[in-house]
C-alpha cells in the first residue's frame, strides 16, 4: 500500500516543518510538495528536508520555477553523492538539464529548447528505457573495452622496446621498411580498433 504525503500551501516555515516531520515519521511514504513549500524547506531546514527525502521511495516536486528545478538537482547531487539525470521537454527545464550530470531533452509541443540543451535528445518519453538500458549499456561496454585495449597496447609496446634495447645493447640500427611498418601500425590502431571498440553516438 502506497502512502502519499502532501506538503502544499504552507503559510509559514513552522507549518511546513510540522508537515515535513509527519512525512519523515511515516515509513515508505511518497512525498508531493509544491514550489512555495519547497522554497520554505530549502531556506529554513534544507538538510532535514533532504534527509527525509532520501528515505522516501519517490518525491514529486510540482509547480516549481526553473531556478528551483536547477537547485534541487544541484543539492541532490551534493547530499546523496550520486549521479543525476534530468529529463525535460520545455524551455523552463533547460537550467535543470544543464545542472544535471546527464541531461535528456524531449522534443514536444513546447519547442526544442530542452532537446538542444541536453546531452541526449529523444522524441518520446517511452524511448528513455531503450536509451538507458540498451544504448547506455553498449556505450559503457565499448568504453571499457577501449580502455583495456589502450592499457594492454601500451604495456606490450613498452615490453617489446625494453627487450629490443636489451638485446642490441641500446645501439642504433637501421630497419628496412620502417615507414611502412609505422603506416600499418597507425592504420590498424587508429581506425580499425577505434571503429570496433570505440564508443558510438
N, C-alpha and C. Protein backbone atom coordinates (compact mmCIF):
# COMPACT_ATOMS: atom_id res chain seq x y z
N UNK A 1 0.83 -1.19 0.00
CA UNK A 1 0.00 0.00 0.00
C UNK A 1 0.87 1.24 0.00
N UNK A 2 0.63 2.16 -0.93
CA UNK A 2 1.42 3.37 -1.06
C UNK A 2 0.73 4.50 -0.30
N UNK A 3 1.51 5.16 0.57
CA UNK A 3 1.01 6.31 1.33
C UNK A 3 1.57 7.58 0.70
N UNK A 4 0.71 8.51 0.37
CA UNK A 4 1.13 9.77 -0.25
C UNK A 4 0.95 10.89 0.76
N UNK A 5 2.05 11.57 1.07
CA UNK A 5 2.02 12.72 1.97
C UNK A 5 2.21 13.98 1.13
N UNK A 6 1.37 14.97 1.37
CA UNK A 6 1.40 16.20 0.58
C UNK A 6 1.79 17.37 1.48
N UNK A 7 2.75 18.14 1.00
CA UNK A 7 3.12 19.41 1.65
C UNK A 7 2.80 20.51 0.65
N UNK A 8 1.73 21.24 0.91
CA UNK A 8 1.29 22.25 -0.04
C UNK A 8 0.60 23.38 0.71
N UNK A 9 0.69 24.57 0.12
CA UNK A 9 0.01 25.76 0.64
C UNK A 9 0.40 26.06 2.09
N UNK A 10 1.66 25.81 2.42
CA UNK A 10 2.14 26.13 3.77
C UNK A 10 2.28 27.64 3.90
N UNK A 11 1.77 28.19 5.01
CA UNK A 11 1.76 29.64 5.17
C UNK A 11 3.04 30.16 5.82
N UNK A 12 3.74 29.33 6.55
CA UNK A 12 4.98 29.76 7.19
C UNK A 12 5.89 28.55 7.37
N UNK A 13 7.17 28.77 7.67
CA UNK A 13 8.11 27.65 7.82
C UNK A 13 7.74 26.70 8.95
N UNK A 14 7.11 27.20 10.00
CA UNK A 14 6.74 26.32 11.12
C UNK A 14 5.70 25.29 10.68
N UNK A 15 4.70 25.75 9.94
CA UNK A 15 3.68 24.82 9.44
C UNK A 15 4.28 23.82 8.47
N UNK A 16 5.21 24.29 7.66
CA UNK A 16 5.88 23.39 6.72
C UNK A 16 6.73 22.36 7.47
N UNK A 17 7.34 22.79 8.57
CA UNK A 17 8.17 21.88 9.36
C UNK A 17 7.33 20.79 10.00
N UNK A 18 6.14 21.14 10.47
CA UNK A 18 5.25 20.15 11.07
C UNK A 18 4.86 19.09 10.05
N UNK A 19 4.52 19.52 8.82
CA UNK A 19 4.14 18.57 7.78
C UNK A 19 5.33 17.71 7.36
N UNK A 20 6.54 18.30 7.35
CA UNK A 20 7.73 17.53 6.99
C UNK A 20 8.04 16.48 8.05
N UNK A 21 7.88 16.82 9.33
CA UNK A 21 8.12 15.85 10.40
C UNK A 21 7.12 14.70 10.34
N UNK A 22 5.88 15.03 10.00
CA UNK A 22 4.87 13.98 9.85
C UNK A 22 5.23 13.04 8.71
N UNK A 23 5.75 13.59 7.62
CA UNK A 23 6.19 12.76 6.50
C UNK A 23 7.40 11.91 6.88
N UNK A 24 8.34 12.50 7.61
CA UNK A 24 9.57 11.80 7.97
C UNK A 24 9.29 10.60 8.87
N UNK A 25 8.24 10.66 9.69
CA UNK A 25 7.93 9.56 10.60
C UNK A 25 6.98 8.53 9.98
N UNK A 26 6.67 8.68 8.70
CA UNK A 26 5.83 7.71 8.01
C UNK A 26 6.71 6.84 7.12
N UNK A 27 6.70 5.55 7.33
CA UNK A 27 7.57 4.64 6.57
C UNK A 27 7.03 4.43 5.16
N UNK A 28 7.94 4.43 4.19
CA UNK A 28 7.64 4.16 2.78
C UNK A 28 6.54 5.08 2.23
N UNK A 29 6.61 6.34 2.58
CA UNK A 29 5.62 7.30 2.10
C UNK A 29 6.20 8.09 0.94
N UNK A 30 5.36 8.43 -0.01
CA UNK A 30 5.74 9.23 -1.16
C UNK A 30 5.40 10.68 -0.86
N UNK A 31 6.32 11.58 -1.15
CA UNK A 31 6.13 12.99 -0.84
C UNK A 31 5.76 13.77 -2.10
N UNK A 32 4.72 14.61 -1.97
CA UNK A 32 4.34 15.54 -3.02
C UNK A 32 4.40 16.94 -2.41
N UNK A 33 5.22 17.81 -2.99
CA UNK A 33 5.43 19.14 -2.43
C UNK A 33 5.35 20.18 -3.53
N UNK A 34 4.74 21.32 -3.23
CA UNK A 34 4.62 22.37 -4.24
C UNK A 34 5.79 23.34 -4.14
N UNK A 35 5.85 24.28 -5.08
CA UNK A 35 7.00 25.17 -5.18
C UNK A 35 7.18 26.09 -3.99
N UNK A 36 6.08 26.64 -3.48
CA UNK A 36 6.18 27.55 -2.35
C UNK A 36 6.67 26.86 -1.09
N UNK A 37 6.11 25.70 -0.80
CA UNK A 37 6.55 24.93 0.37
C UNK A 37 7.98 24.44 0.20
N UNK A 38 8.33 24.07 -1.02
CA UNK A 38 9.70 23.63 -1.27
C UNK A 38 10.70 24.74 -0.99
N UNK A 39 10.38 25.96 -1.38
CA UNK A 39 11.29 27.07 -1.12
C UNK A 39 11.45 27.31 0.37
N UNK A 40 10.38 27.16 1.14
CA UNK A 40 10.49 27.29 2.60
C UNK A 40 11.41 26.23 3.18
N UNK A 41 11.28 25.01 2.68
CA UNK A 41 12.14 23.92 3.16
C UNK A 41 13.60 24.19 2.83
N UNK A 42 13.87 24.67 1.63
CA UNK A 42 15.25 24.93 1.22
C UNK A 42 15.85 26.09 1.97
N UNK A 43 15.04 27.08 2.32
CA UNK A 43 15.55 28.26 3.01
C UNK A 43 15.72 28.02 4.50
N UNK A 44 14.84 27.25 5.13
CA UNK A 44 14.83 27.14 6.59
C UNK A 44 15.50 25.87 7.12
N UNK A 45 15.21 24.72 6.53
CA UNK A 45 15.76 23.46 7.04
C UNK A 45 16.08 22.54 5.87
N UNK A 46 17.08 22.94 5.13
CA UNK A 46 17.46 22.24 3.89
C UNK A 46 17.96 20.83 4.16
N UNK A 47 18.87 20.68 5.13
CA UNK A 47 19.45 19.35 5.38
C UNK A 47 18.40 18.36 5.89
N UNK A 48 17.48 18.83 6.75
CA UNK A 48 16.43 17.94 7.25
C UNK A 48 15.49 17.49 6.13
N UNK A 49 15.22 18.41 5.21
CA UNK A 49 14.36 18.06 4.08
C UNK A 49 14.99 16.97 3.23
N UNK A 50 16.28 17.10 2.93
CA UNK A 50 16.93 16.10 2.07
C UNK A 50 17.15 14.78 2.82
N UNK A 51 17.35 14.83 4.12
CA UNK A 51 17.47 13.60 4.89
C UNK A 51 16.16 12.81 4.85
N UNK A 52 15.05 13.52 4.96
CA UNK A 52 13.75 12.85 4.88
C UNK A 52 13.45 12.38 3.47
N UNK A 53 13.83 13.19 2.47
CA UNK A 53 13.54 12.84 1.08
C UNK A 53 14.36 11.64 0.62
N UNK A 54 15.58 11.48 1.14
CA UNK A 54 16.41 10.35 0.74
C UNK A 54 15.83 9.02 1.17
N UNK A 55 15.08 9.00 2.25
CA UNK A 55 14.49 7.76 2.74
C UNK A 55 13.18 7.41 2.04
N UNK A 56 12.68 8.32 1.23
CA UNK A 56 11.41 8.09 0.56
C UNK A 56 11.64 7.38 -0.78
N UNK A 57 10.73 6.49 -1.18
CA UNK A 57 10.90 5.84 -2.49
C UNK A 57 10.73 6.81 -3.66
N UNK A 58 9.98 7.90 -3.46
CA UNK A 58 9.77 8.86 -4.54
C UNK A 58 9.37 10.20 -3.95
N UNK A 59 9.84 11.28 -4.60
CA UNK A 59 9.49 12.65 -4.21
C UNK A 59 9.07 13.39 -5.46
N UNK A 60 7.89 14.00 -5.43
CA UNK A 60 7.36 14.75 -6.57
C UNK A 60 7.32 16.22 -6.19
N UNK A 61 8.04 17.04 -6.95
CA UNK A 61 8.04 18.49 -6.75
C UNK A 61 7.23 19.10 -7.89
N UNK A 62 6.13 19.75 -7.57
CA UNK A 62 5.26 20.30 -8.61
C UNK A 62 5.21 21.82 -8.50
N UNK A 63 4.88 22.45 -9.61
CA UNK A 63 4.75 23.91 -9.70
C UNK A 63 6.02 24.61 -9.23
N UNK A 64 7.15 24.15 -9.76
CA UNK A 64 8.45 24.72 -9.39
C UNK A 64 8.93 25.67 -10.47
N UNK A 65 9.71 26.66 -10.07
CA UNK A 65 10.32 27.57 -11.02
C UNK A 65 11.57 26.93 -11.62
N UNK A 66 12.07 27.42 -12.76
CA UNK A 66 13.30 26.87 -13.33
C UNK A 66 14.49 26.93 -12.37
N UNK A 67 14.56 27.99 -11.58
CA UNK A 67 15.65 28.10 -10.60
C UNK A 67 15.55 27.03 -9.54
N UNK A 68 14.33 26.74 -9.08
CA UNK A 68 14.15 25.69 -8.08
C UNK A 68 14.50 24.32 -8.64
N UNK A 69 14.16 24.08 -9.90
CA UNK A 69 14.49 22.79 -10.52
C UNK A 69 16.00 22.58 -10.57
N UNK A 70 16.73 23.62 -10.96
CA UNK A 70 18.19 23.50 -11.01
C UNK A 70 18.77 23.35 -9.61
N UNK A 71 18.21 24.06 -8.63
CA UNK A 71 18.71 23.96 -7.26
C UNK A 71 18.48 22.57 -6.68
N UNK A 72 17.34 21.97 -6.98
CA UNK A 72 17.04 20.62 -6.49
C UNK A 72 18.07 19.62 -7.04
N UNK A 73 18.37 19.72 -8.33
CA UNK A 73 19.34 18.81 -8.93
C UNK A 73 20.72 19.00 -8.30
N UNK A 74 21.12 20.25 -8.12
CA UNK A 74 22.43 20.53 -7.54
C UNK A 74 22.53 20.03 -6.10
N UNK A 75 21.50 20.30 -5.31
CA UNK A 75 21.54 19.87 -3.90
C UNK A 75 21.39 18.36 -3.77
N UNK A 76 20.63 17.74 -4.67
CA UNK A 76 20.51 16.29 -4.65
C UNK A 76 21.86 15.63 -4.89
N UNK A 77 22.61 16.17 -5.84
CA UNK A 77 23.95 15.64 -6.09
C UNK A 77 24.87 15.89 -4.91
N UNK A 78 24.70 17.02 -4.24
CA UNK A 78 25.54 17.36 -3.10
C UNK A 78 25.26 16.47 -1.89
N UNK A 79 23.99 16.20 -1.61
CA UNK A 79 23.64 15.45 -0.41
C UNK A 79 23.73 13.94 -0.59
N UNK A 80 23.47 13.45 -1.79
CA UNK A 80 23.48 12.00 -2.00
C UNK A 80 24.78 11.48 -2.60
N UNK A 81 25.60 12.38 -3.14
CA UNK A 81 26.88 11.99 -3.78
C UNK A 81 26.67 10.98 -4.90
N UNK A 82 25.61 11.16 -5.68
CA UNK A 82 25.31 10.25 -6.78
C UNK A 82 25.23 11.02 -8.08
N UNK A 83 25.16 10.30 -9.19
CA UNK A 83 24.98 10.90 -10.50
C UNK A 83 23.51 11.23 -10.71
N UNK A 84 23.25 12.35 -11.35
CA UNK A 84 21.87 12.78 -11.56
C UNK A 84 21.55 12.84 -13.05
N UNK A 85 20.30 12.54 -13.38
CA UNK A 85 19.81 12.61 -14.75
C UNK A 85 18.55 13.45 -14.74
N UNK A 86 18.53 14.50 -15.55
CA UNK A 86 17.37 15.39 -15.63
C UNK A 86 16.71 15.23 -16.99
N UNK A 87 15.38 15.13 -16.98
CA UNK A 87 14.61 14.93 -18.20
C UNK A 87 13.60 16.06 -18.30
N UNK A 88 13.58 16.74 -19.44
CA UNK A 88 12.66 17.85 -19.61
C UNK A 88 12.22 17.99 -21.05
N UNK A 89 11.12 18.72 -21.25
CA UNK A 89 10.58 18.88 -22.60
C UNK A 89 10.29 20.34 -22.96
N UNK A 90 10.67 21.29 -22.11
CA UNK A 90 10.36 22.68 -22.41
C UNK A 90 11.49 23.61 -22.04
N UNK A 91 11.32 24.89 -22.38
CA UNK A 91 12.35 25.87 -22.08
C UNK A 91 12.58 26.09 -20.60
N UNK A 92 11.55 25.86 -19.77
CA UNK A 92 11.72 26.02 -18.33
C UNK A 92 12.53 24.89 -17.69
N UNK A 93 12.85 23.85 -18.46
CA UNK A 93 13.65 22.74 -17.94
C UNK A 93 15.13 22.84 -18.33
N UNK A 94 15.50 23.88 -19.06
CA UNK A 94 16.88 23.98 -19.58
C UNK A 94 17.88 24.09 -18.44
N UNK A 95 17.62 24.94 -17.45
CA UNK A 95 18.57 25.10 -16.34
C UNK A 95 18.74 23.81 -15.56
N UNK A 96 17.67 23.05 -15.38
CA UNK A 96 17.75 21.76 -14.69
C UNK A 96 18.58 20.77 -15.50
N UNK A 97 18.37 20.75 -16.81
CA UNK A 97 19.11 19.82 -17.68
C UNK A 97 20.60 20.14 -17.68
N UNK A 98 20.92 21.43 -17.70
CA UNK A 98 22.33 21.82 -17.71
C UNK A 98 23.01 21.54 -16.38
N UNK A 99 22.26 21.57 -15.30
CA UNK A 99 22.83 21.35 -13.96
C UNK A 99 23.10 19.87 -13.70
N UNK A 100 22.35 18.98 -14.33
CA UNK A 100 22.48 17.55 -14.07
C UNK A 100 23.73 16.98 -14.75
N UNK A 101 24.15 15.81 -14.27
CA UNK A 101 25.29 15.13 -14.90
C UNK A 101 24.93 14.67 -16.31
N UNK A 102 23.72 14.18 -16.49
CA UNK A 102 23.24 13.74 -17.81
C UNK A 102 21.89 14.40 -18.03
N UNK A 103 21.77 15.10 -19.15
CA UNK A 103 20.51 15.75 -19.48
C UNK A 103 19.86 15.10 -20.69
N UNK A 104 18.56 14.85 -20.59
CA UNK A 104 17.79 14.24 -21.67
C UNK A 104 16.67 15.21 -22.04
N UNK A 105 16.65 15.63 -23.29
CA UNK A 105 15.61 16.53 -23.76
C UNK A 105 14.61 15.81 -24.65
N UNK A 106 13.34 16.15 -24.48
CA UNK A 106 12.27 15.54 -25.27
C UNK A 106 11.69 16.60 -26.20
N UNK A 107 11.69 16.30 -27.47
CA UNK A 107 11.09 17.22 -28.44
C UNK A 107 9.57 17.09 -28.36
N UNK A 108 8.91 18.19 -28.09
CA UNK A 108 7.46 18.14 -27.95
C UNK A 108 6.80 19.41 -28.40
N UNK A 109 5.60 19.63 -27.87
CA UNK A 109 4.81 20.79 -28.26
C UNK A 109 5.39 22.10 -27.74
N UNK A 110 6.23 22.01 -26.71
CA UNK A 110 6.79 23.23 -26.12
C UNK A 110 8.05 23.71 -26.84
N UNK A 111 8.45 23.06 -27.90
CA UNK A 111 9.62 23.50 -28.65
C UNK A 111 10.81 22.57 -28.46
N UNK A 112 11.95 23.04 -28.96
CA UNK A 112 13.17 22.22 -28.94
C UNK A 112 14.25 22.79 -28.03
N UNK A 113 13.90 23.72 -27.14
CA UNK A 113 14.93 24.29 -26.28
C UNK A 113 15.57 23.25 -25.39
N UNK A 114 14.75 22.37 -24.83
CA UNK A 114 15.29 21.34 -23.94
C UNK A 114 16.16 20.34 -24.69
N UNK A 115 15.72 19.93 -25.87
CA UNK A 115 16.49 18.94 -26.63
C UNK A 115 17.81 19.53 -27.14
N UNK A 116 17.82 20.82 -27.43
CA UNK A 116 19.07 21.46 -27.89
C UNK A 116 20.07 21.63 -26.76
N UNK A 117 19.60 21.81 -25.54
CA UNK A 117 20.50 22.00 -24.40
C UNK A 117 20.93 20.68 -23.76
N UNK A 118 20.29 19.57 -24.12
CA UNK A 118 20.53 18.30 -23.44
C UNK A 118 21.69 17.54 -24.07
N UNK A 119 22.16 16.55 -23.33
CA UNK A 119 23.19 15.64 -23.83
C UNK A 119 22.61 14.65 -24.83
N UNK A 120 21.38 14.23 -24.58
CA UNK A 120 20.68 13.31 -25.46
C UNK A 120 19.31 13.88 -25.77
N UNK A 121 18.85 13.64 -26.98
CA UNK A 121 17.54 14.12 -27.40
C UNK A 121 16.71 12.95 -27.91
N UNK A 122 15.48 12.86 -27.41
CA UNK A 122 14.55 11.81 -27.84
C UNK A 122 13.24 12.46 -28.23
N UNK A 123 12.46 11.75 -29.01
CA UNK A 123 11.20 12.30 -29.48
C UNK A 123 10.01 11.92 -28.60
N UNK A 124 10.14 10.82 -27.85
CA UNK A 124 9.06 10.38 -26.97
C UNK A 124 9.64 9.92 -25.65
N UNK A 125 8.86 10.08 -24.59
CA UNK A 125 9.32 9.65 -23.27
C UNK A 125 9.51 8.14 -23.20
N UNK A 126 8.75 7.40 -24.00
CA UNK A 126 8.85 5.93 -23.99
C UNK A 126 10.20 5.45 -24.52
N UNK A 127 10.94 6.32 -25.24
CA UNK A 127 12.25 5.93 -25.77
C UNK A 127 13.33 5.98 -24.69
N UNK A 128 13.00 6.48 -23.51
CA UNK A 128 14.00 6.64 -22.47
C UNK A 128 14.55 5.31 -21.98
N UNK A 129 13.70 4.31 -21.86
CA UNK A 129 14.15 2.99 -21.39
C UNK A 129 15.17 2.39 -22.34
N UNK A 130 14.92 2.50 -23.64
CA UNK A 130 15.87 1.97 -24.62
C UNK A 130 17.19 2.75 -24.60
N UNK A 131 17.10 4.07 -24.40
CA UNK A 131 18.30 4.89 -24.34
C UNK A 131 19.19 4.48 -23.18
N UNK A 132 18.60 4.25 -22.02
CA UNK A 132 19.39 3.95 -20.83
C UNK A 132 19.82 2.48 -20.79
N UNK A 133 18.87 1.58 -21.01
CA UNK A 133 19.15 0.16 -20.79
C UNK A 133 19.90 -0.49 -21.94
N UNK A 134 19.71 -0.01 -23.17
CA UNK A 134 20.37 -0.63 -24.32
C UNK A 134 21.57 0.18 -24.81
N UNK A 135 21.33 1.41 -25.25
CA UNK A 135 22.42 2.22 -25.79
C UNK A 135 23.42 2.60 -24.70
N UNK A 136 22.92 2.90 -23.50
CA UNK A 136 23.83 3.24 -22.41
C UNK A 136 24.73 2.07 -22.03
N UNK A 137 24.17 0.88 -21.98
CA UNK A 137 24.97 -0.31 -21.64
C UNK A 137 26.01 -0.61 -22.72
N UNK A 138 25.60 -0.48 -23.98
CA UNK A 138 26.55 -0.73 -25.07
C UNK A 138 27.69 0.28 -25.05
N UNK A 139 27.37 1.54 -24.82
CA UNK A 139 28.41 2.57 -24.76
C UNK A 139 29.37 2.30 -23.61
N UNK A 140 28.83 1.88 -22.47
CA UNK A 140 29.68 1.57 -21.32
C UNK A 140 30.62 0.40 -21.62
N UNK A 141 30.11 -0.63 -22.26
CA UNK A 141 30.93 -1.80 -22.58
C UNK A 141 32.02 -1.45 -23.59
N UNK A 142 31.66 -0.64 -24.61
CA UNK A 142 32.66 -0.26 -25.60
C UNK A 142 33.75 0.62 -24.99
N UNK A 143 33.36 1.53 -24.12
CA UNK A 143 34.36 2.39 -23.47
C UNK A 143 35.30 1.56 -22.60
N UNK A 144 34.75 0.58 -21.88
CA UNK A 144 35.58 -0.27 -21.04
C UNK A 144 36.54 -1.12 -21.88
N UNK A 145 36.05 -1.65 -23.01
CA UNK A 145 36.91 -2.45 -23.89
C UNK A 145 38.03 -1.60 -24.49
N UNK A 146 37.68 -0.38 -24.88
CA UNK A 146 38.69 0.51 -25.46
C UNK A 146 39.75 0.88 -24.43
N UNK A 147 39.34 1.14 -23.19
CA UNK A 147 40.31 1.49 -22.14
C UNK A 147 41.25 0.32 -21.87
N UNK A 148 40.71 -0.91 -21.80
CA UNK A 148 41.56 -2.08 -21.59
C UNK A 148 42.53 -2.28 -22.75
N UNK A 149 42.04 -2.08 -23.98
CA UNK A 149 42.90 -2.25 -25.14
C UNK A 149 44.06 -1.25 -25.11
N UNK A 150 43.78 0.00 -24.78
CA UNK A 150 44.84 1.02 -24.75
C UNK A 150 45.89 0.68 -23.71
N UNK A 151 45.46 0.22 -22.53
CA UNK A 151 46.44 -0.15 -21.49
C UNK A 151 47.29 -1.34 -21.92
N UNK A 152 46.67 -2.37 -22.49
CA UNK A 152 47.43 -3.54 -22.92
C UNK A 152 48.36 -3.21 -24.08
N UNK A 153 47.89 -2.37 -25.00
CA UNK A 153 48.74 -1.98 -26.12
C UNK A 153 49.99 -1.24 -25.63
N UNK A 154 49.80 -0.31 -24.70
CA UNK A 154 50.96 0.42 -24.16
C UNK A 154 51.92 -0.49 -23.44
N UNK A 155 51.40 -1.46 -22.69
CA UNK A 155 52.26 -2.39 -21.97
C UNK A 155 53.05 -3.27 -22.93
N UNK A 156 52.40 -3.75 -23.98
CA UNK A 156 53.08 -4.62 -24.95
C UNK A 156 54.18 -3.86 -25.68
N UNK A 157 53.88 -2.63 -26.11
CA UNK A 157 54.89 -1.84 -26.82
C UNK A 157 56.08 -1.54 -25.92
N UNK A 158 55.82 -1.23 -24.65
CA UNK A 158 56.92 -0.91 -23.73
C UNK A 158 57.80 -2.14 -23.49
N UNK A 159 57.19 -3.32 -23.34
CA UNK A 159 57.98 -4.54 -23.12
C UNK A 159 58.82 -4.86 -24.36
N UNK A 160 58.24 -4.72 -25.54
CA UNK A 160 58.99 -5.01 -26.77
C UNK A 160 60.17 -4.07 -26.91
N UNK A 161 59.97 -2.78 -26.61
CA UNK A 161 61.08 -1.84 -26.71
C UNK A 161 62.16 -2.14 -25.67
N UNK A 162 61.77 -2.56 -24.48
CA UNK A 162 62.76 -2.90 -23.45
C UNK A 162 63.57 -4.13 -23.85
N UNK A 163 62.91 -5.15 -24.39
CA UNK A 163 63.62 -6.36 -24.83
C UNK A 163 64.54 -6.05 -26.00
N UNK A 164 64.06 -5.25 -26.95
CA UNK A 164 64.88 -4.88 -28.11
C UNK A 164 66.13 -4.12 -27.67
N UNK A 165 65.96 -3.17 -26.73
CA UNK A 165 67.11 -2.39 -26.25
C UNK A 165 68.10 -3.28 -25.50
N UNK A 166 67.58 -4.25 -24.75
CA UNK A 166 68.49 -5.14 -24.01
C UNK A 166 69.26 -6.06 -24.95
N UNK A 167 68.62 -6.54 -26.02
CA UNK A 167 69.31 -7.46 -26.94
C UNK A 167 70.37 -6.75 -27.77
N UNK A 168 70.11 -5.53 -28.19
CA UNK A 168 71.04 -4.81 -29.05
C UNK A 168 71.84 -3.78 -28.29
N UNK A 169 71.88 -3.88 -26.96
CA UNK A 169 72.69 -3.03 -26.09
C UNK A 169 72.43 -1.55 -26.34
N UNK A 170 71.18 -1.21 -26.60
CA UNK A 170 70.74 0.19 -26.78
C UNK A 170 71.46 0.90 -27.91
N UNK A 171 71.87 0.15 -28.96
CA UNK A 171 72.54 0.78 -30.09
C UNK A 171 71.54 1.09 -31.19
N UNK A 172 71.88 2.03 -32.05
CA UNK A 172 71.01 2.41 -33.16
C UNK A 172 71.26 1.46 -34.33
N UNK A 173 70.23 1.00 -34.96
CA UNK A 173 70.37 0.14 -36.12
C UNK A 173 69.30 0.50 -37.14
N UNK A 174 69.61 0.29 -38.40
CA UNK A 174 68.69 0.63 -39.48
C UNK A 174 67.75 -0.55 -39.74
N UNK A 175 66.43 -0.24 -39.75
CA UNK A 175 65.44 -1.26 -40.04
C UNK A 175 64.80 -0.95 -41.38
N UNK A 176 64.93 -1.85 -42.36
CA UNK A 176 64.30 -1.58 -43.66
C UNK A 176 62.78 -1.63 -43.57
N UNK A 177 62.16 -0.75 -44.31
CA UNK A 177 60.70 -0.72 -44.33
C UNK A 177 60.07 -0.17 -43.07
N UNK A 178 60.81 0.69 -42.34
CA UNK A 178 60.29 1.22 -41.09
C UNK A 178 59.06 2.12 -41.32
N UNK A 179 59.10 2.90 -42.41
CA UNK A 179 57.97 3.80 -42.69
C UNK A 179 56.69 3.01 -42.96
N UNK A 180 56.83 1.91 -43.70
CA UNK A 180 55.66 1.07 -43.99
C UNK A 180 55.12 0.44 -42.71
N UNK A 181 56.01 0.05 -41.81
CA UNK A 181 55.58 -0.52 -40.54
C UNK A 181 54.80 0.49 -39.71
N UNK A 182 55.30 1.72 -39.67
CA UNK A 182 54.60 2.76 -38.91
C UNK A 182 53.24 3.08 -39.54
N UNK A 183 53.18 3.06 -40.86
CA UNK A 183 51.92 3.33 -41.54
C UNK A 183 50.88 2.24 -41.21
N UNK A 184 51.28 1.01 -41.22
CA UNK A 184 50.36 -0.08 -40.88
C UNK A 184 49.94 0.00 -39.42
N UNK A 185 50.89 0.37 -38.58
CA UNK A 185 50.58 0.50 -37.15
C UNK A 185 49.51 1.57 -36.92
N UNK A 186 49.67 2.73 -37.55
CA UNK A 186 48.73 3.83 -37.37
C UNK A 186 47.36 3.47 -37.93
N UNK A 187 47.36 2.81 -39.11
CA UNK A 187 46.08 2.44 -39.71
C UNK A 187 45.32 1.42 -38.85
N UNK A 188 46.04 0.47 -38.31
CA UNK A 188 45.39 -0.58 -37.52
C UNK A 188 44.89 -0.03 -36.20
N UNK A 189 45.79 0.61 -35.47
CA UNK A 189 45.42 1.07 -34.13
C UNK A 189 44.59 2.34 -34.14
N UNK A 190 44.64 3.08 -35.24
CA UNK A 190 43.91 4.34 -35.27
C UNK A 190 42.50 4.23 -35.81
N UNK A 191 42.27 3.33 -36.75
CA UNK A 191 40.95 3.29 -37.38
C UNK A 191 40.19 1.99 -37.07
N UNK A 192 40.82 0.85 -37.30
CA UNK A 192 40.12 -0.42 -37.14
C UNK A 192 39.68 -0.66 -35.71
N UNK A 193 40.62 -0.47 -34.78
CA UNK A 193 40.30 -0.76 -33.38
C UNK A 193 39.28 0.23 -32.82
N UNK A 194 39.44 1.51 -33.17
CA UNK A 194 38.50 2.52 -32.67
C UNK A 194 37.09 2.30 -33.23
N UNK A 195 37.02 1.87 -34.47
CA UNK A 195 35.69 1.64 -35.06
C UNK A 195 35.01 0.41 -34.45
N UNK A 196 35.80 -0.57 -33.99
CA UNK A 196 35.22 -1.78 -33.40
C UNK A 196 34.89 -1.60 -31.93
N UNK A 197 35.82 -0.97 -31.18
CA UNK A 197 35.67 -0.93 -29.73
C UNK A 197 35.31 0.45 -29.21
N UNK A 198 35.44 1.48 -30.00
CA UNK A 198 35.20 2.83 -29.51
C UNK A 198 33.74 3.11 -29.23
N UNK A 199 33.46 4.08 -28.32
CA UNK A 199 32.06 4.44 -28.05
C UNK A 199 31.43 5.10 -29.26
N UNK A 200 30.14 4.84 -29.46
CA UNK A 200 29.41 5.38 -30.59
C UNK A 200 28.29 6.29 -30.12
N UNK A 201 27.94 7.24 -30.95
CA UNK A 201 26.86 8.17 -30.61
C UNK A 201 25.52 7.50 -30.84
